Amino acid sequence: MRLYLVQHAQATSKDANPKRPLTEQGRRDAEKVAAFAKPLGLCVDYVWHSGKTRAAQTAEILAPVVQVTEETAGRDGLAPNDDVKAFRDDIEAAQRDVMLVGHLPFLSKLASLLLTGSESAEPVAFRQAGIVCLEYSDTSRWQLVWMVTPEILHEQSGERRV
């Protein structure tokens, strides 16, 4: 089972627009990561987002490059300060591949809980529009498989730098 965690791309400030849609840079970053992900042939059962505009728009950019077998939809329980333990229990019980598009601190706390058993360890440095891939192993442990951020992808040439 794989879990893809995506922090929404850069959004406008609340003062500029209370709905907080993506900025042009945010769209470019999400599109850059989507272009990287497309040849990977990612397949998930669900793409879930928090329902906030910035998360929904990021999910809309990523969903077309991911084979989604069930649905792309907003889901309760993914707001910045929602309970990660309840979500962890749901995802482990479901045994499905899922991409979550959400917010900090929720994503950071969830990754921390899954990888270390503690919400506060913060082993992953999330970046806006980045994808973190976790896998539930045969030994009943979560492991970090890979991570990509817009900053490590060359914008013009499509080459990756490490």
Protein backbone atom coordinates (compact mmCIF):
# COMPACT_ATOMS: atom_id res chain seq x y z
CA MET A 1 0.00 0.00 0.00
CA ARG A 2 1.32 3.43 -0.96
CA LEU A 3 0.41 6.84 0.38
CA TYR A 4 1.35 9.96 -1.59
CA LEU A 5 1.34 13.13 0.51
CA VAL A 6 1.19 16.45 -1.34
CA GLN A 7 1.30 19.86 0.27
CA HIS A 8 -0.82 22.24 -1.81
CA ALA A 9 1.06 24.56 -4.14
CA GLN A 10 1.68 28.23 -3.36
CA ALA A 11 -1.55 30.17 -2.82
CA THR A 12 -2.49 33.83 -2.71
CA SER A 13 -2.67 35.51 0.67
CA LYS A 14 -5.93 35.61 2.59
CA ASP A 15 -5.87 39.41 2.27
CA ALA A 16 -5.61 39.25 -1.54
CA ASN A 17 -8.34 36.62 -1.87
CA PRO A 18 -10.10 34.91 1.06
CA LYS A 19 -10.59 31.73 -1.03
CA ARG A 20 -6.78 31.48 -1.44
CA PRO A 21 -6.48 30.12 -5.00
CA LEU A 22 -3.09 29.13 -6.39
CA THR A 23 -0.72 31.82 -7.56
CA GLU A 24 0.76 31.60 -11.05
CA GLN A 25 3.99 30.33 -9.46
CA GLY A 26 1.97 27.76 -7.53
CA ARG A 27 0.37 26.52 -10.76
CA ARG A 28 3.77 26.32 -12.49
CA ASP A 29 5.25 24.38 -9.58
CA ALA A 30 2.34 21.91 -9.49
CA GLU A 31 2.54 21.47 -13.27
CA LYS A 32 6.31 20.88 -13.03
CA VAL A 33 5.80 18.14 -10.44
CA ALA A 34 2.92 16.66 -12.48
CA ALA A 35 5.19 16.50 -15.55
CA PHE A 36 7.78 14.64 -13.46
CA ALA A 37 5.14 12.23 -12.08
CA LYS A 38 3.49 11.41 -15.41
CA PRO A 39 6.10 8.93 -16.72
CA LEU A 40 6.20 7.20 -13.32
CA GLY A 41 2.79 5.65 -14.04
CA LEU A 42 1.45 6.28 -10.56
CA CYS A 43 -1.80 4.47 -9.82
CA VAL A 44 -4.00 5.17 -6.80
CA ASP A 45 -7.48 4.26 -5.76
CA TYR A 46 -8.23 7.77 -4.51
CA VAL A 47 -6.99 11.33 -4.77
CA TRP A 48 -8.40 13.13 -1.76
CA HIS A 49 -8.01 16.81 -0.97
CA SER A 50 -9.15 18.96 1.92
CA GLY A 51 -11.75 20.84 -0.09
CA LYS A 52 -9.99 24.18 0.38
CA THR A 53 -9.49 25.93 -2.97
CA ARG A 54 -5.68 25.69 -2.97
CA ALA A 55 -5.73 21.96 -2.23
CA ALA A 56 -8.51 21.27 -4.75
CA GLN A 57 -6.65 23.17 -7.49
CA THR A 58 -3.40 21.30 -6.75
CA ALA A 59 -5.29 17.98 -6.89
CA GLU A 60 -6.88 19.00 -10.21
CA ILE A 61 -3.41 19.51 -11.69
CA LEU A 62 -2.01 16.21 -10.38
CA ALA A 63 -5.00 13.89 -10.87
CA PRO A 64 -4.79 13.74 -14.71
CA VAL A 65 -1.23 12.33 -14.56
CA VAL A 66 -2.14 9.69 -11.99
CA GLN A 67 -4.30 6.70 -12.82
CA VAL A 68 -7.17 7.04 -10.34
CA THR A 69 -9.28 3.88 -10.12
CA GLU A 70 -12.02 5.18 -7.82
CA GLU A 71 -12.36 8.96 -7.35
CA THR A 72 -10.83 12.38 -6.93
CA ALA A 73 -12.77 14.27 -4.28
CA GLY A 74 -12.76 16.52 -1.29
CA ARG A 75 -12.71 14.66 2.01
CA ASP A 76 -13.33 15.64 5.60
CA GLY A 77 -10.53 15.15 8.09
CA LEU A 78 -7.72 16.75 6.04
CA ALA A 79 -7.83 20.31 7.36
CA PRO A 80 -4.59 21.76 8.75
CA ASN A 81 -5.34 20.91 12.38
CA ASP A 82 -7.45 17.74 12.02
CA ASP A 83 -6.68 14.57 14.00
CA VAL A 84 -4.00 12.53 12.22
CA LYS A 85 -4.48 9.45 14.40
CA ALA A 86 -8.05 8.97 13.17
CA PHE A 87 -6.91 9.33 9.58
CA ARG A 88 -4.02 6.90 10.10
CA ASP A 89 -6.43 4.30 11.42
CA ASP A 90 -8.76 4.79 8.43
CA ILE A 91 -5.99 4.54 5.83
CA GLU A 92 -4.38 1.45 7.40
CA ALA A 93 -7.75 -0.29 7.67
CA ALA A 94 -8.65 0.50 4.06
CA GLN A 95 -5.40 -0.95 2.61
CA ARG A 96 -5.72 1.23 -0.52
CA ASP A 97 -3.27 3.41 -2.44
CA VAL A 98 -4.15 7.05 -1.83
CA MET A 99 -2.86 10.49 -2.78
CA LEU A 100 -3.67 13.18 -0.18
CA VAL A 101 -3.46 16.84 -1.14
CA GLY A 102 -3.55 18.95 1.96
CA HIS A 103 -1.89 21.32 4.35
CA LEU A 104 0.66 21.71 7.08
CA PRO A 105 0.75 20.88 9.89
CA PHE A 106 -1.60 17.95 9.11
CA LEU A 107 0.64 16.33 6.48
CA SER A 108 3.78 16.75 8.56
CA LYS A 109 2.14 15.28 11.65
CA LEU A 110 0.69 12.37 9.65
CA ALA A 111 4.03 11.51 8.04
CA SER A 112 5.72 11.82 11.41
CA LEU A 113 3.18 9.54 13.10
CA LEU A 114 3.41 6.93 10.35
CA LEU A 115 7.21 6.91 10.15
CA THR A 116 8.17 7.35 13.81
CA GLY A 117 5.09 6.75 15.95
CA SER A 118 5.16 10.37 17.14
CA GLU A 119 3.32 13.33 15.60
CA SER A 120 6.09 15.74 16.61
CA ALA A 121 9.25 14.10 15.18
CA GLU A 122 8.93 15.89 11.78
CA PRO A 123 11.19 13.59 9.70
CA VAL A 124 9.96 15.02 6.38
CA ALA A 125 10.65 18.56 5.16
CA PHE A 126 7.50 19.22 3.10
CA ARG A 127 7.58 21.74 0.25
CA GLN A 128 4.62 23.26 -1.54
CA ALA A 129 3.56 21.15 -4.55
CA GLY A 130 6.01 18.40 -3.59
CA ILE A 131 5.09 14.71 -3.43
CA VAL A 132 6.19 12.42 -0.61
CA CYS A 133 5.72 8.69 -1.25
CA LEU A 134 5.32 6.41 1.77
CA GLU A 135 4.84 2.66 1.61
CA TYR A 136 3.38 0.24 4.14
CA SER A 137 5.85 -2.63 4.08
CA ASP A 138 5.42 -6.34 4.57
CA THR A 139 6.84 -5.86 8.06
CA SER A 140 3.87 -3.63 8.99
CA ARG A 141 5.94 -0.45 9.00
CA TRP A 142 5.68 2.74 7.00
CA GLN A 143 8.79 3.74 5.07
CA LEU A 144 9.74 6.77 2.99
CA VAL A 145 10.20 5.54 -0.59
CA TRP A 146 10.85 8.82 -2.43
CA MET A 147 10.19 12.56 -2.44
CA VAL A 148 10.21 15.19 -5.16
CA THR A 149 9.88 18.96 -4.86
CA PRO A 150 9.60 21.68 -7.51
CA GLU A 151 12.99 23.05 -6.46
CA ILE A 152 14.87 19.93 -7.55
CA LEU A 153 13.35 19.86 -11.03
CA HIS A 154 14.81 22.01 -13.80
CA GLU A 155 12.06 24.19 -15.19
CA GLN A 156 13.27 24.64 -18.77
CA SER A 157 15.09 21.44 -19.73
CA GLY A 158 12.97 18.91 -17.87
CA GLU A 159 16.18 17.42 -16.46
CA ARG A 160 16.35 16.47 -12.82
CA ARG A 161 19.11 17.67 -10.58
CA VAL A 162 20.12 16.05 -7.34
